C-alpha atoms as a PDB file:
ATOM      1  CA  MET A   1       0.000   0.000   0.000  1.00  0.00           C
ATOM      2  CA  ALA A   2       2.822   2.375   0.899  1.00  0.00           C
ATOM      3  CA  ALA A   3       4.539   1.633  -2.407  1.00  0.00           C
ATOM      4  CA  LEU A   4       1.318   2.342  -4.314  1.00  0.00           C
ATOM      5  CA  LEU A   5       0.812   5.658  -2.537  1.00  0.00           C
ATOM      6  CA  LYS A   6       4.444   6.571  -3.189  1.00  0.00           C
ATOM      7  CA  GLY A   7       3.999   5.828  -6.896  1.00  0.00           C
ATOM      8  CA  LEU A   8       0.804   7.871  -7.111  1.00  0.00           C
ATOM      9  CA  LEU A   9       2.475  10.778  -5.311  1.00  0.00           C
ATOM     10  CA  ARG A  10       5.405  10.665  -7.730  1.00  0.00           C
ATOM     11  CA  ALA A  11       3.047  10.659 -10.720  1.00  0.00           C
ATOM     12  CA  MET A  12       1.158  13.659  -9.302  1.00  0.00           C
ATOM     13  CA  VAL A  13       4.398  15.570  -8.737  1.00  0.00           C
ATOM     14  CA  LEU A  14       5.507  14.895 -12.310  1.00  0.00           C
ATOM     15  CA  LEU A  15       2.155  15.988 -13.710  1.00  0.00           C
ATOM     16  CA  VAL A  16       2.365  19.206 -11.705  1.00  0.00           C
ATOM     17  CA  LEU A  17       5.878  19.717 -13.081  1.00  0.00           C
ATOM     18  CA  VAL A  18       4.575  19.496 -16.641  1.00  0.00           C
ATOM     19  CA  LEU A  19       1.737  21.925 -15.868  1.00  0.00           C
ATOM     20  CA  VAL A  20       4.064  24.382 -14.155  1.00  0.00           C
ATOM     21  CA  THR A  21       6.810  24.155 -16.756  1.00  0.00           C
ATOM     22  CA  GLY A  22       4.421  24.189 -19.679  1.00  0.00           C
ATOM     23  CA  CYS A  23       5.440  23.870 -23.318  1.00  0.00           C
ATOM     24  CA  PHE A  24       7.662  26.327 -25.128  1.00  0.00           C
ATOM     25  CA  GLN A  25       7.926  26.825 -28.898  1.00  0.00           C
ATOM     26  CA  TYR A  26      11.232  28.378 -29.910  1.00  0.00           C
ATOM     27  CA  ASP A  27      12.262  29.056 -33.517  1.00  0.00           C
ATOM     28  CA  LEU A  28      15.456  30.839 -34.516  1.00  0.00           C
ATOM     29  CA  ASP A  29      15.999  32.137 -38.061  1.00  0.00           C
ATOM     30  CA  ILE A  30      19.280  33.731 -39.157  1.00  0.00           C
ATOM     31  CA  GLN A  31      18.563  35.558 -42.413  1.00  0.00           C
ATOM     32  CA  PHE A  32      21.227  36.773 -44.832  1.00  0.00           C
ATOM     33  CA  ASP A  33      19.552  39.134 -47.299  1.00  0.00           C
ATOM     34  CA  SER A  34      22.812  40.363 -48.833  1.00  0.00           C
ATOM     35  CA  GLN A  35      26.461  40.982 -48.037  1.00  0.00           C
ATOM     36  CA  THR A  36      25.592  44.121 -46.077  1.00  0.00           C
ATOM     37  CA  HIS A  37      22.262  43.261 -44.493  1.00  0.00           C
ATOM     38  CA  GLY A  38      20.587  40.504 -42.519  1.00  0.00           C
ATOM     39  CA  GLN A  39      18.653  39.869 -39.335  1.00  0.00           C
ATOM     40  CA  ILE A  40      18.271  37.468 -36.445  1.00  0.00           C
ATOM     41  CA  VAL A  41      14.616  36.555 -35.964  1.00  0.00           C
ATOM     42  CA  GLN A  42      13.371  34.641 -32.931  1.00  0.00           C
ATOM     43  CA  HIS A  43       9.806  33.423 -32.460  1.00  0.00           C
ATOM     44  CA  LEU A  44       8.913  32.487 -28.876  1.00  0.00           C
ATOM     45  CA  GLN A  45       5.572  31.106 -27.773  1.00  0.00           C
ATOM     46  CA  TRP A  46       4.780  30.035 -24.236  1.00  0.00           C
ATOM     47  CA  THR A  47       1.720  27.826 -23.781  1.00  0.00           C
ATOM     48  CA  ALA A  48       1.341  27.827 -20.008  1.00  0.00           C
ATOM     49  CA  THR A  49       0.242  31.329 -19.064  1.00  0.00           C
ATOM     50  CA  ALA A  50      -1.733  30.057 -16.078  1.00  0.00           C
ATOM     51  CA  ALA A  51       1.420  28.492 -14.644  1.00  0.00           C
ATOM     52  CA  VAL A  52       3.448  31.712 -14.692  1.00  0.00           C
ATOM     53  CA  SER A  53       2.694  34.370 -12.110  1.00  0.00           C
ATOM     54  CA  PRO A  54       2.057  37.939 -13.332  1.00  0.00           C
ATOM     55  CA  THR A  55       5.142  39.147 -11.464  1.00  0.00           C
ATOM     56  CA  GLN A  56       7.323  36.429 -12.992  1.00  0.00           C
ATOM     57  CA  LEU A  57       5.961  37.178 -16.459  1.00  0.00           C
ATOM     58  CA  ARG A  58       6.472  40.936 -16.079  1.00  0.00           C
ATOM     59  CA  THR A  59      10.052  40.428 -14.897  1.00  0.00           C
ATOM     60  CA  TRP A  60      10.754  38.125 -17.851  1.00  0.00           C
ATOM     61  CA  ARG A  61       9.320  40.614 -20.340  1.00  0.00           C
ATOM     62  CA  GLU A  62      11.323  43.516 -18.939  1.00  0.00           C
ATOM     63  CA  ALA A  63      14.546  41.493 -18.963  1.00  0.00           C
ATOM     64  CA  LEU A  64      13.902  40.337 -22.540  1.00  0.00           C
ATOM     65  CA  VAL A  65      13.218  43.848 -23.850  1.00  0.00           C
ATOM     66  CA  ALA A  66      16.266  45.271 -22.054  1.00  0.00           C
ATOM     67  CA  GLN A  67      18.564  42.564 -23.417  1.00  0.00           C
ATOM     68  CA  VAL A  68      17.297  42.953 -26.992  1.00  0.00           C
ATOM     69  CA  LYS A  69      17.697  46.749 -26.893  1.00  0.00           C
ATOM     70  CA  THR A  70      21.391  46.396 -26.011  1.00  0.00           C
ATOM     71  CA  VAL A  71      21.998  44.892 -29.467  1.00  0.00           C
ATOM     72  CA  GLY A  72      19.768  47.292 -31.409  1.00  0.00           C
ATOM     73  CA  GLY A  73      16.850  44.883 -31.741  1.00  0.00           C
ATOM     74  CA  GLN A  74      13.086  45.123 -31.438  1.00  0.00           C
ATOM     75  CA  VAL A  75      10.488  43.090 -29.559  1.00  0.00           C
ATOM     76  CA  GLN A  76       6.969  42.640 -30.921  1.00  0.00           C
ATOM     77  CA  TRP A  77       4.206  41.001 -28.873  1.00  0.00           C
ATOM     78  CA  ALA A  78       1.472  39.192 -30.813  1.00  0.00           C
ATOM     79  CA  ASP A  79      -0.309  38.400 -27.536  1.00  0.00           C
ATOM     80  CA  GLY A  80       0.548  37.910 -23.883  1.00  0.00           C
ATOM     81  CA  MET A  81       2.893  34.954 -24.450  1.00  0.00           C
ATOM     82  CA  THR A  82       3.832  35.107 -28.143  1.00  0.00           C
ATOM     83  CA  VAL A  83       6.762  37.321 -29.061  1.00  0.00           C
ATOM     84  CA  THR A  84       9.015  37.985 -32.058  1.00  0.00           C
ATOM     85  CA  VAL A  85      12.534  39.316 -31.503  1.00  0.00           C
ATOM     86  CA  THR A  86      14.307  40.917 -34.483  1.00  0.00           C
ATOM     87  CA  VAL A  87      17.956  41.982 -34.404  1.00  0.00           C
ATOM     88  CA  PRO A  88      19.443  43.458 -37.611  1.00  0.00           C
ATOM     89  CA  PHE A  89      23.097  43.189 -38.633  1.00  0.00           C
ATOM     90  CA  ASN A  90      25.133  44.782 -41.437  1.00  0.00           C
ATOM     91  CA  ASN A  91      27.963  42.268 -41.843  1.00  0.00           C
ATOM     92  CA  GLY A  92      29.289  38.974 -40.578  1.00  0.00           C
ATOM     93  CA  ALA A  93      31.333  40.481 -37.762  1.00  0.00           C
ATOM     94  CA  GLU A  94      28.303  42.384 -36.486  1.00  0.00           C
ATOM     95  CA  LEU A  95      26.156  39.230 -36.651  1.00  0.00           C
ATOM     96  CA  GLU A  96      28.662  37.327 -34.517  1.00  0.00           C
ATOM     97  CA  GLN A  97      29.039  40.166 -32.017  1.00  0.00           C
ATOM     98  CA  ARG A  98      25.319  40.868 -31.595  1.00  0.00           C
ATOM     99  CA  PHE A  99      24.280  37.217 -31.457  1.00  0.00           C
ATOM    100  CA  ASN A 100      26.796  36.328 -28.755  1.00  0.00           C
ATOM    101  CA  GLN A 101      25.946  39.466 -26.764  1.00  0.00           C
ATOM    102  CA  LEU A 102      22.243  38.615 -26.979  1.00  0.00           C
ATOM    103  CA  PHE A 103      22.822  35.134 -25.532  1.00  0.00           C
ATOM    104  CA  ASP A 104      25.530  36.097 -23.034  1.00  0.00           C
ATOM    105  CA  ASN A 105      24.590  34.560 -19.678  1.00  0.00           C
ATOM    106  CA  SER A 106      27.905  35.315 -17.967  1.00  0.00           C
ATOM    107  CA  MET A 107      26.505  38.332 -16.125  1.00  0.00           C
ATOM    108  CA  ALA A 108      23.536  38.432 -13.788  1.00  0.00           C
ATOM    109  CA  GLY A 109      20.427  39.769 -15.469  1.00  0.00           C
ATOM    110  CA  SER A 110      21.753  39.195 -18.982  1.00  0.00           C
ATOM    111  CA  GLY A 111      21.121  36.554 -21.615  1.00  0.00           C
ATOM    112  CA  LEU A 112      17.873  34.944 -22.689  1.00  0.00           C
ATOM    113  CA  ALA A 113      15.797  32.661 -20.487  1.00  0.00           C
ATOM    114  CA  LEU A 114      12.368  31.039 -20.473  1.00  0.00           C
ATOM    115  CA  PRO A 115       9.663  32.589 -18.274  1.00  0.00           C
ATOM    116  CA  SER A 116      10.117  29.704 -15.831  1.00  0.00           C
ATOM    117  CA  GLY A 117      13.811  30.563 -15.447  1.00  0.00           C
ATOM    118  CA  GLU A 118      15.659  28.021 -17.607  1.00  0.00           C
ATOM    119  CA  ALA A 119      18.561  29.609 -19.493  1.00  0.00           C
ATOM    120  CA  VAL A 120      18.840  29.459 -23.273  1.00  0.00           C
ATOM    121  CA  ALA A 121      22.578  29.684 -23.921  1.00  0.00           C
ATOM    122  CA  ALA A 122      24.063  29.909 -27.409  1.00  0.00           C
ATOM    123  CA  THR A 123      27.267  30.916 -29.186  1.00  0.00           C
ATOM    124  CA  LEU A 124      27.907  31.669 -32.850  1.00  0.00           C
ATOM    125  CA  ALA A 125      31.142  31.751 -34.835  1.00  0.00           C
ATOM    126  CA  LEU A 126      31.275  32.940 -38.456  1.00  0.00           C
ATOM    127  CA  THR A 127      34.315  32.698 -40.731  1.00  0.00           C
ATOM    128  CA  GLN A 128      34.205  34.588 -44.030  1.00  0.00           C
ATOM    129  CA  GLY A 129      36.418  34.576 -47.118  1.00  0.00           C
ATOM    130  CA  ASN A 130      36.237  37.062 -49.984  1.00  0.00           C
ATOM    131  CA  TRP A 131      36.297  35.395 -53.412  1.00  0.00           C
ATOM    132  CA  ILE A 132      35.757  38.708 -55.272  1.00  0.00           C
ATOM    133  CA  PHE A 133      32.338  37.871 -56.734  1.00  0.00           C
ATOM    134  CA  ALA A 134      30.990  36.173 -53.603  1.00  0.00           C
ATOM    135  CA  ILE A 135      31.661  35.775 -49.885  1.00  0.00           C
ATOM    136  CA  ARG A 136      32.164  32.239 -48.587  1.00  0.00           C
ATOM    137  CA  ASN A 137      30.751  31.751 -45.090  1.00  0.00           C
ATOM    138  CA  HIS A 138      31.319  28.978 -42.571  1.00  0.00           C
ATOM    139  CA  LEU A 139      28.877  29.209 -39.673  1.00  0.00           C
ATOM    140  CA  MET A 140      29.021  27.262 -36.412  1.00  0.00           C
ATOM    141  CA  LEU A 141      26.182  27.621 -33.919  1.00  0.00           C
ATOM    142  CA  THR A 142      25.920  25.903 -30.532  1.00  0.00           C
ATOM    143  CA  LEU A 143      22.635  26.063 -28.634  1.00  0.00           C
ATOM    144  CA  ASP A 144      22.826  24.663 -25.095  1.00  0.00           C
ATOM    145  CA  LEU A 145      19.422  23.395 -23.968  1.00  0.00           C
ATOM    146  CA  THR A 146      20.673  21.118 -21.189  1.00  0.00           C
ATOM    147  CA  ALA A 147      18.735  23.252 -18.669  1.00  0.00           C
ATOM    148  CA  ILE A 148      15.448  22.209 -20.292  1.00  0.00           C
ATOM    149  CA  PRO A 149      14.156  19.003 -18.628  1.00  0.00           C
ATOM    150  CA  THR A 150      12.943  16.012 -20.626  1.00  0.00           C
ATOM    151  CA  GLY A 151      10.737  13.041 -19.774  1.00  0.00           C
ATOM    152  CA  GLU A 152      13.667  10.695 -20.322  1.00  0.00           C
ATOM    153  CA  ARG A 153      15.849  12.616 -17.868  1.00  0.00           C
ATOM    154  CA  LEU A 154      13.118  12.603 -15.219  1.00  0.00           C
ATOM    155  CA  GLY A 155      12.773   8.842 -15.675  1.00  0.00           C
ATOM    156  CA  ALA A 156       8.981   8.923 -15.632  1.00  0.00           C
ATOM    157  CA  PRO A 157       7.061   6.644 -18.028  1.00  0.00           C
ATOM    158  CA  ILE A 158       4.118   9.043 -17.916  1.00  0.00           C
ATOM    159  CA  LEU A 159       6.335  11.789 -19.397  1.00  0.00           C
ATOM    160  CA  GLN A 160       8.007   9.732 -22.113  1.00  0.00           C
ATOM    161  CA  GLY A 161       7.625  11.535 -25.430  1.00  0.00           C
ATOM    162  CA  VAL A 162       6.598  14.812 -23.796  1.00  0.00           C
ATOM    163  CA  GLU A 163       8.672  17.716 -25.116  1.00  0.00           C
ATOM    164  CA  LEU A 164       8.766  20.759 -22.852  1.00  0.00           C
ATOM    165  CA  LEU A 165      10.506  22.668 -25.643  1.00  0.00           C
ATOM    166  CA  THR A 166      10.106  22.282 -29.401  1.00  0.00           C
ATOM    167  CA  GLY A 167      11.511  24.337 -32.234  1.00  0.00           C
ATOM    168  CA  LYS A 168      13.918  24.678 -35.118  1.00  0.00           C
ATOM    169  CA  VAL A 169      16.925  26.659 -36.263  1.00  0.00           C
ATOM    170  CA  HIS A 170      16.664  28.072 -39.791  1.00  0.00           C
ATOM    171  CA  LEU A 171      19.362  29.556 -42.002  1.00  0.00           C
ATOM    172  CA  THR A 172      18.034  31.711 -44.833  1.00  0.00           C
ATOM    173  CA  THR A 173      20.683  32.450 -47.485  1.00  0.00           C
ATOM    174  CA  PRO A 174      20.479  33.791 -51.082  1.00  0.00           C
ATOM    175  CA  TRP A 175      22.180  30.798 -52.733  1.00  0.00           C
ATOM    176  CA  GLY A 176      21.274  27.937 -50.407  1.00  0.00           C
ATOM    177  CA  LEU A 177      23.772  26.148 -48.188  1.00  0.00           C
ATOM    178  CA  HIS A 178      25.661  22.936 -47.467  1.00  0.00           C
ATOM    179  CA  ARG A 179      25.007  21.261 -44.118  1.00  0.00           C
ATOM    180  CA  THR A 180      28.265  20.263 -42.465  1.00  0.00           C
ATOM    181  CA  VAL A 181      26.529  18.680 -39.459  1.00  0.00           C
ATOM    182  CA  SER A 182      23.245  16.947 -40.264  1.00  0.00           C
ATOM    183  CA  ASP A 183      20.192  16.409 -38.075  1.00  0.00           C
ATOM    184  CA  ASP A 184      19.632  12.700 -37.415  1.00  0.00           C
ATOM    185  CA  ALA A 185      15.880  13.320 -37.391  1.00  0.00           C
ATOM    186  CA  VAL A 186      15.969  14.444 -41.038  1.00  0.00           C
ATOM    187  CA  PRO A 187      17.609  11.864 -43.352  1.00  0.00           C
ATOM    188  CA  GLN A 188      19.904  13.383 -45.966  1.00  0.00           C
ATOM    189  CA  SER A 189      18.169  11.405 -48.733  1.00  0.00           C
ATOM    190  CA  SER A 190      14.839  13.118 -47.978  1.00  0.00           C
ATOM    191  CA  MET A 191      16.149  16.545 -46.914  1.00  0.00           C
ATOM    192  CA  GLY A 192      14.568  18.553 -49.736  1.00  0.00           C
ATOM    193  CA  ASP A 193      13.350  21.927 -48.503  1.00  0.00           C
ATOM    194  CA  PHE A 194      14.459  21.017 -44.972  1.00  0.00           C
ATOM    195  CA  ALA A 195      18.153  21.383 -45.843  1.00  0.00           C
ATOM    196  CA  ASN A 196      18.212  24.823 -44.235  1.00  0.00           C
ATOM    197  CA  GLN A 197      16.725  23.845 -40.868  1.00  0.00           C
ATOM    198  CA  TRP A 198      17.745  21.855 -37.804  1.00  0.00           C
ATOM    199  CA  ASN A 199      15.402  20.433 -35.175  1.00  0.00           C
ATOM    200  CA  LEU A 200      16.061  21.479 -31.587  1.00  0.00           C
ATOM    201  CA  HIS A 201      16.407  18.800 -28.917  1.00  0.00           C
ATOM    202  CA  PRO A 202      15.912  19.833 -25.259  1.00  0.00           C
ATOM    203  CA  GLY A 203      18.147  18.388 -22.583  1.00  0.00           C
ATOM    204  CA  GLN A 204      21.272  18.457 -24.759  1.00  0.00           C
ATOM    205  CA  VAL A 205      23.695  20.661 -26.666  1.00  0.00           C
ATOM    206  CA  ASN A 206      22.475  21.320 -30.218  1.00  0.00           C
ATOM    207  CA  GLN A 207      24.993  22.092 -32.961  1.00  0.00           C
ATOM    208  CA  VAL A 208      24.471  23.708 -36.354  1.00  0.00           C
ATOM    209  CA  GLU A 209      27.282  23.933 -38.910  1.00  0.00           C
ATOM    210  CA  ALA A 210      26.935  24.995 -42.529  1.00  0.00           C
ATOM    211  CA  ASP A 211      28.774  26.526 -45.493  1.00  0.00           C
ATOM    212  CA  PHE A 212      27.099  29.010 -47.824  1.00  0.00           C
ATOM    213  CA  TRP A 213      27.858  31.762 -50.326  1.00  0.00           C
ATOM    214  CA  ILE A 214      26.596  35.349 -50.478  1.00  0.00           C
ATOM    215  CA  PRO A 215      26.970  37.431 -53.665  1.00  0.00           C
ATOM    216  CA  SER A 216      29.293  40.426 -53.351  1.00  0.00           C
ATOM    217  CA  PRO A 217      27.768  43.538 -54.977  1.00  0.00           C
ATOM    218  CA  ILE A 218      31.100  45.340 -54.707  1.00  0.00           C
ATOM    219  CA  GLY A 219      33.003  42.577 -56.506  1.00  0.00           C
ATOM    220  CA  ILE A 220      30.310  42.101 -59.138  1.00  0.00           C
ATOM    221  CA  GLY A 221      30.027  45.877 -59.639  1.00  0.00           C
ATOM    222  CA  ALA A 222      33.804  46.216 -60.018  1.00  0.00           C
ATOM    223  CA  ALA A 223      33.818  43.411 -62.608  1.00  0.00           C
ATOM    224  CA  VAL A 224      30.985  45.074 -64.580  1.00  0.00           C
ATOM    225  CA  ILE A 225      32.804  48.424 -64.534  1.00  0.00           C
ATOM    226  CA  ALA A 226      36.043  46.772 -65.697  1.00  0.00           C
ATOM    227  CA  LEU A 227      34.149  44.977 -68.480  1.00  0.00           C
ATOM    228  CA  LEU A 228      32.490  48.199 -69.653  1.00  0.00           C
ATOM    229  CA  MET A 229      35.788  50.032 -69.570  1.00  0.00           C
ATOM    230  CA  GLY A 230      37.390  47.239 -71.583  1.00  0.00           C
ATOM    231  CA  LEU A 231      34.599  47.304 -74.141  1.00  0.00           C
ATOM    232  CA  GLY A 232      34.792  51.085 -74.319  1.00  0.00           C
ATOM    233  CA  TYR A 233      38.554  51.000 -74.839  1.00  0.00           C
ATOM    234  CA  GLY A 234      38.186  48.332 -77.519  1.00  0.00           C
ATOM    235  CA  LEU A 235      35.545  50.319 -79.417  1.00  0.00           C
ATOM    236  CA  ARG A 236      37.605  53.486 -79.153  1.00  0.00           C
ATOM    237  CA  TYR A 237      40.682  51.711 -80.447  1.00  0.00           C
ATOM    238  CA  ARG A 238      38.774  50.259 -83.427  1.00  0.00           C
ATOM    239  CA  PHE A 239      37.301  53.699 -84.161  1.00  0.00           C
ATOM    240  CA  ARG A 240      40.775  55.279 -84.217  1.00  0.00           C
ATOM    241  CA  VAL A 241      42.124  52.531 -86.472  1.00  0.00           C
ATOM    242  CA  GLY A 242      39.213  53.144 -88.860  1.00  0.00           C
ATOM    243  CA  LEU A 243      39.983  56.858 -89.002  1.00  0.00           C
ATOM    244  CA  ASP A 244      43.694  56.259 -89.655  1.00  0.00           C
ATOM    245  CA  ARG A 245      42.836  54.166 -92.666  1.00  0.00           C
END
C-alpha cells in the first residue's frame, strides 16, 4: 500500500511539473539578405500562461526587452505569451558580435531565459572569405538546452515523449547552403526543402554547422565596370584605327 501511494504521489508531482513548466515553442531564423544586411529573428511562444505568475511574467518581459535593446533589436508582442525578436546586422562580424551578446549569460540579469527561469545559452562563430564575386561563409552555432528538462531525464514513463521545448533553427541564405553537421531526425536522402533547418532537442547541446555563399555587390560591380571600360577601350581603339585608314 505504501509503495502504491508513493507511486501515485510521484506521478502527481511529475504531472504538476509538466503543468508548471508548460510547453515552449522556440524558432530561430538567421537571415542573410545580402552581403551588407541581414537579421536574427526569434519566435517564442509560451503555452502555459496560467502556470506563470504575473510578477514572474512581467520580470521576464522587462529582462527580454532590455537585453534585446542592447543589441539594437526590437520586440513585438502578438499576444501575452507570443513574441518575435528581431535583431538586424550589417555584416558577418556584427552578426557574430550581436548574437553572442544577446545570448551572453555570464553576467547576472543578462542573456535569454524562459519565463520559468531556464537559461537558453548559445554561441555563434562565423568565418568569411572574400572570393571577389561572392563571400564564402562557414557558420558554427551551438545552442545549449541542457537546462530544459525532458521526460527521459526525469525517468517517468508518464512523461516519455513529452517535449517541454520544441523548435527549429533556420538559415536563410540567397544561394542555399551545405550542411556540415546533419540532423539525425531528417535523413539526408529526404532533406529537400528542410536542408536549411535543424530540429532542436531539449536536454542536450544542439549544434548547427553549414557553409554558404553570399553574392558580393562590390566585386560584381567592379567586374561590370572593368568589363564596360574594356569594351569602351576596344571600341575606341577600333574607331581610331578606322579613321587612320
